[in-house]
Structure formats: C-alpha cells, structure tokens
Amino acid sequence: MTSLITGGVGLMGAEVVRLLLKKGEKPIVFSSIPNTSRSADLGDSVEGIAGDLGNFSNVLDVVGTTWPDVIYHMGGMLTAPSEADPAAPI
C-alpha cells in the first residue's frame, strides 16, 4: 500500500512513517523539508517530495503523481521564524 504523509519529518509524522514501515508499507513524505535522513532510523527507505501545503497546486501535483491509497495529514503551518529557516524547529 502506498501512503502519503504530509509533515512526515515532524515529530508525529515521522512516527506515522515508522509505523507504516514496520507494517511493510511504502510511505511517501510530502514536506517543506522532505529530507528523511534527518530521522536516522528512516534513512533512504522513504521517498521524500518537497512541497508546500499552503500551495494547493503543490498538493494536487503530489497526489496526482503518487496516487496514494491513503493520505495521513500530519503537516501544519510554519510560524514566521520557521518560515525563514524551516529546518530550525526540527
């Protein structure tokens, strides 16, 4: 099963990704910072796609390209300081 996880490198999103990997599923992370290697235990086993949840075109593109069976919405809007440096809060 293919799962799309928005915010998949955040605290809760990364945990969802870990659980899906344990179940043998193929998670795809959609995030402003899709570098899954930031979570050492995720490594290269997860596909990361850069995008902005605030940009509806980005959301449509990722759904249309990946055709996920399920979407886990774990992403959120960044605060102003986080917008300037998105990797800072991770």
N, C-alpha and C. Protein backbone atom coordinates (compact mmCIF):
# COMPACT_ATOMS: atom_id res chain seq x y z
N MET A 1 0.85 -1.17 0.00
CA MET A 1 0.00 0.00 0.00
C MET A 1 0.89 1.23 0.00
N THR A 2 0.52 2.23 -0.77
CA THR A 2 1.26 3.48 -0.83
C THR A 2 0.54 4.53 0.02
N SER A 3 1.30 5.10 0.95
CA SER A 3 0.75 6.12 1.84
C SER A 3 1.51 7.43 1.65
N LEU A 4 0.77 8.53 1.60
CA LEU A 4 1.36 9.86 1.53
C LEU A 4 1.20 10.50 2.90
N ILE A 5 2.32 10.96 3.47
CA ILE A 5 2.28 11.57 4.80
C ILE A 5 2.73 13.02 4.67
N THR A 6 1.82 13.96 4.92
CA THR A 6 2.22 15.36 4.95
C THR A 6 2.89 15.61 6.29
N GLY A 7 3.96 16.40 6.27
CA GLY A 7 4.68 16.66 7.52
C GLY A 7 5.37 15.43 8.06
N GLY A 8 5.81 14.56 7.18
CA GLY A 8 6.37 13.27 7.59
C GLY A 8 7.73 13.30 8.26
N VAL A 9 8.38 14.46 8.35
CA VAL A 9 9.64 14.53 9.07
C VAL A 9 9.49 15.23 10.42
N GLY A 10 8.27 15.66 10.73
CA GLY A 10 8.00 16.24 12.05
C GLY A 10 7.86 15.15 13.09
N LEU A 11 7.66 15.52 14.32
CA LEU A 11 7.59 14.56 15.43
C LEU A 11 6.51 13.51 15.20
N MET A 12 5.28 13.93 14.99
CA MET A 12 4.18 12.97 14.82
C MET A 12 4.23 12.29 13.45
N GLY A 13 4.54 13.05 12.42
CA GLY A 13 4.60 12.49 11.07
C GLY A 13 5.65 11.41 10.94
N ALA A 14 6.83 11.64 11.53
CA ALA A 14 7.89 10.63 11.47
C ALA A 14 7.48 9.36 12.19
N GLU A 15 6.72 9.49 13.26
CA GLU A 15 6.25 8.29 13.97
C GLU A 15 5.27 7.50 13.11
N VAL A 16 4.40 8.19 12.39
CA VAL A 16 3.49 7.52 11.46
C VAL A 16 4.30 6.79 10.39
N VAL A 17 5.33 7.43 9.87
CA VAL A 17 6.19 6.80 8.85
C VAL A 17 6.83 5.53 9.42
N ARG A 18 7.35 5.60 10.64
CA ARG A 18 7.96 4.41 11.26
C ARG A 18 6.96 3.26 11.38
N LEU A 19 5.76 3.58 11.81
CA LEU A 19 4.73 2.54 11.96
C LEU A 19 4.38 1.92 10.61
N LEU A 20 4.28 2.74 9.58
CA LEU A 20 3.97 2.22 8.25
C LEU A 20 5.09 1.33 7.72
N LEU A 21 6.33 1.72 7.97
CA LEU A 21 7.47 0.90 7.55
C LEU A 21 7.44 -0.46 8.24
N LYS A 22 7.11 -0.47 9.53
CA LYS A 22 7.02 -1.73 10.27
C LYS A 22 5.95 -2.64 9.69
N LYS A 23 4.89 -2.04 9.14
CA LYS A 23 3.81 -2.82 8.54
C LYS A 23 4.13 -3.25 7.11
N GLY A 24 5.30 -2.85 6.62
CA GLY A 24 5.71 -3.22 5.27
C GLY A 24 5.12 -2.34 4.18
N GLU A 25 4.61 -1.18 4.56
CA GLU A 25 4.02 -0.28 3.58
C GLU A 25 5.09 0.63 2.97
N LYS A 26 4.71 1.34 1.91
CA LYS A 26 5.62 2.23 1.19
C LYS A 26 5.21 3.68 1.44
N PRO A 27 5.76 4.30 2.49
CA PRO A 27 5.39 5.69 2.77
C PRO A 27 6.12 6.69 1.87
N ILE A 28 5.41 7.75 1.52
CA ILE A 28 5.98 8.87 0.78
C ILE A 28 5.75 10.12 1.62
N VAL A 29 6.82 10.84 1.90
CA VAL A 29 6.75 12.03 2.74
C VAL A 29 6.62 13.27 1.86
N PHE A 30 5.61 14.09 2.15
CA PHE A 30 5.41 15.38 1.48
C PHE A 30 5.62 16.46 2.53
N SER A 31 6.70 17.24 2.36
CA SER A 31 7.06 18.20 3.38
C SER A 31 7.85 19.34 2.77
N SER A 32 7.88 20.46 3.48
CA SER A 32 8.72 21.57 3.03
C SER A 32 10.20 21.19 3.15
N ILE A 33 10.49 20.22 4.01
CA ILE A 33 11.85 19.68 4.18
C ILE A 33 11.74 18.16 4.07
N PRO A 34 11.73 17.60 2.87
CA PRO A 34 11.48 16.17 2.72
C PRO A 34 12.68 15.28 2.99
N ASN A 35 13.75 15.82 3.57
CA ASN A 35 14.95 15.04 3.82
C ASN A 35 14.71 14.07 4.98
N THR A 36 14.34 12.83 4.66
CA THR A 36 14.02 11.85 5.69
C THR A 36 15.25 11.36 6.43
N SER A 37 16.45 11.66 5.94
CA SER A 37 17.66 11.24 6.65
C SER A 37 17.84 12.02 7.95
N ARG A 38 17.07 13.10 8.15
CA ARG A 38 17.12 13.84 9.42
C ARG A 38 16.64 12.95 10.55
N SER A 39 15.81 11.97 10.25
CA SER A 39 15.41 10.97 11.23
C SER A 39 16.21 9.72 10.90
N ALA A 40 17.27 9.49 11.66
CA ALA A 40 18.26 8.47 11.34
C ALA A 40 17.65 7.10 11.05
N ASP A 41 16.61 6.73 11.77
CA ASP A 41 16.04 5.40 11.57
C ASP A 41 15.18 5.30 10.32
N LEU A 42 14.87 6.41 9.66
CA LEU A 42 14.09 6.36 8.43
C LEU A 42 15.00 6.16 7.22
N GLY A 43 16.13 6.84 7.24
CA GLY A 43 17.13 6.67 6.19
C GLY A 43 16.59 6.82 4.79
N ASP A 44 17.05 5.94 3.90
CA ASP A 44 16.69 6.01 2.49
C ASP A 44 15.49 5.15 2.13
N SER A 45 14.83 4.59 3.12
CA SER A 45 13.71 3.68 2.86
C SER A 45 12.41 4.42 2.55
N VAL A 46 12.45 5.73 2.61
CA VAL A 46 11.24 6.54 2.41
C VAL A 46 11.50 7.56 1.30
N GLU A 47 10.56 7.70 0.39
CA GLU A 47 10.66 8.72 -0.65
C GLU A 47 10.21 10.06 -0.08
N GLY A 48 10.99 11.10 -0.34
CA GLY A 48 10.64 12.44 0.12
C GLY A 48 10.35 13.36 -1.05
N ILE A 49 9.26 14.10 -0.97
CA ILE A 49 8.88 15.05 -2.01
C ILE A 49 8.69 16.42 -1.38
N ALA A 50 9.39 17.42 -1.94
CA ALA A 50 9.30 18.78 -1.41
C ALA A 50 8.01 19.44 -1.88
N GLY A 51 7.38 20.16 -0.98
CA GLY A 51 6.17 20.89 -1.34
C GLY A 51 5.66 21.71 -0.19
N ASP A 52 4.67 22.52 -0.50
CA ASP A 52 4.10 23.45 0.47
C ASP A 52 2.60 23.17 0.59
N LEU A 53 2.14 22.82 1.78
CA LEU A 53 0.72 22.56 1.99
C LEU A 53 -0.13 23.80 1.74
N GLY A 54 0.48 24.97 1.86
CA GLY A 54 -0.24 26.21 1.61
C GLY A 54 -0.43 26.51 0.13
N ASN A 55 0.19 25.70 -0.72
CA ASN A 55 0.09 25.88 -2.17
C ASN A 55 -0.74 24.72 -2.72
N PHE A 56 -2.00 24.99 -3.03
CA PHE A 56 -2.92 23.94 -3.46
C PHE A 56 -2.42 23.21 -4.70
N SER A 57 -1.73 23.91 -5.57
CA SER A 57 -1.18 23.30 -6.78
C SER A 57 -0.15 22.23 -6.41
N ASN A 58 0.69 22.52 -5.39
CA ASN A 58 1.67 21.53 -4.91
C ASN A 58 0.97 20.28 -4.41
N VAL A 59 -0.10 20.47 -3.67
CA VAL A 59 -0.85 19.34 -3.10
C VAL A 59 -1.46 18.50 -4.22
N LEU A 60 -2.10 19.15 -5.19
CA LEU A 60 -2.69 18.41 -6.32
C LEU A 60 -1.63 17.67 -7.11
N ASP A 61 -0.48 18.30 -7.32
CA ASP A 61 0.60 17.66 -8.07
C ASP A 61 1.09 16.39 -7.38
N VAL A 62 1.33 16.46 -6.07
CA VAL A 62 1.87 15.29 -5.38
C VAL A 62 0.86 14.16 -5.33
N VAL A 63 -0.41 14.48 -5.15
CA VAL A 63 -1.44 13.44 -5.13
C VAL A 63 -1.60 12.84 -6.53
N GLY A 64 -1.58 13.68 -7.55
CA GLY A 64 -1.72 13.20 -8.92
C GLY A 64 -0.53 12.40 -9.42
N THR A 65 0.65 12.66 -8.86
CA THR A 65 1.85 11.95 -9.27
C THR A 65 2.02 10.63 -8.53
N THR A 66 1.70 10.62 -7.25
CA THR A 66 1.96 9.42 -6.43
C THR A 66 0.77 8.47 -6.33
N TRP A 67 -0.44 8.96 -6.56
CA TRP A 67 -1.66 8.15 -6.44
C TRP A 67 -1.67 7.32 -5.17
N PRO A 68 -1.60 7.95 -4.00
CA PRO A 68 -1.57 7.19 -2.75
C PRO A 68 -2.90 6.50 -2.47
N ASP A 69 -2.81 5.37 -1.78
CA ASP A 69 -4.02 4.67 -1.34
C ASP A 69 -4.64 5.38 -0.15
N VAL A 70 -3.79 6.03 0.65
CA VAL A 70 -4.26 6.75 1.84
C VAL A 70 -3.35 7.96 2.05
N ILE A 71 -3.92 9.02 2.63
CA ILE A 71 -3.15 10.23 2.96
C ILE A 71 -3.28 10.46 4.46
N TYR A 72 -2.12 10.59 5.12
CA TYR A 72 -2.07 10.95 6.55
C TYR A 72 -1.65 12.42 6.61
N HIS A 73 -2.54 13.27 7.07
CA HIS A 73 -2.25 14.71 7.12
C HIS A 73 -1.68 15.04 8.50
N MET A 74 -0.35 15.11 8.57
CA MET A 74 0.35 15.41 9.82
C MET A 74 1.07 16.75 9.75
N GLY A 75 0.96 17.43 8.63
CA GLY A 75 1.65 18.70 8.44
C GLY A 75 0.89 19.86 9.05
N GLY A 76 1.59 20.94 9.24
CA GLY A 76 0.98 22.14 9.79
C GLY A 76 1.63 23.37 9.20
N MET A 77 1.09 24.51 9.51
CA MET A 77 1.64 25.77 9.02
C MET A 77 2.82 26.17 9.90
N LEU A 78 3.85 26.70 9.27
CA LEU A 78 5.03 27.14 10.00
C LEU A 78 4.82 28.54 10.56
N THR A 79 5.46 28.82 11.69
CA THR A 79 5.45 30.17 12.25
C THR A 79 6.42 31.04 11.46
N ALA A 80 6.36 32.34 11.64
CA ALA A 80 7.22 33.25 10.88
C ALA A 80 8.70 32.92 11.01
N PRO A 81 9.26 32.68 12.23
CA PRO A 81 10.68 32.32 12.31
C PRO A 81 10.99 31.00 11.60
N SER A 82 10.05 30.07 11.65
CA SER A 82 10.27 28.79 10.98
C SER A 82 10.23 28.94 9.47
N GLU A 83 9.44 29.88 8.98
CA GLU A 83 9.39 30.14 7.54
C GLU A 83 10.76 30.59 7.04
N ALA A 84 11.45 31.40 7.85
CA ALA A 84 12.76 31.90 7.46
C ALA A 84 13.79 30.78 7.42
N ASP A 85 13.70 29.82 8.35
CA ASP A 85 14.63 28.69 8.41
C ASP A 85 13.84 27.44 8.76
N PRO A 86 13.23 26.77 7.77
CA PRO A 86 12.35 25.63 8.04
C PRO A 86 13.00 24.47 8.78
N ALA A 87 14.31 24.31 8.68
CA ALA A 87 14.98 23.20 9.36
C ALA A 87 15.21 23.48 10.84
N ALA A 88 15.12 24.73 11.25
CA ALA A 88 15.42 25.10 12.64
C ALA A 88 14.57 24.38 13.68
N PRO A 89 13.26 24.25 13.52
CA PRO A 89 12.47 23.62 14.58
C PRO A 89 12.58 22.10 14.65
N ILE A 90 13.25 21.50 13.69
CA ILE A 90 13.33 20.03 13.68
C ILE A 90 14.43 19.54 14.59
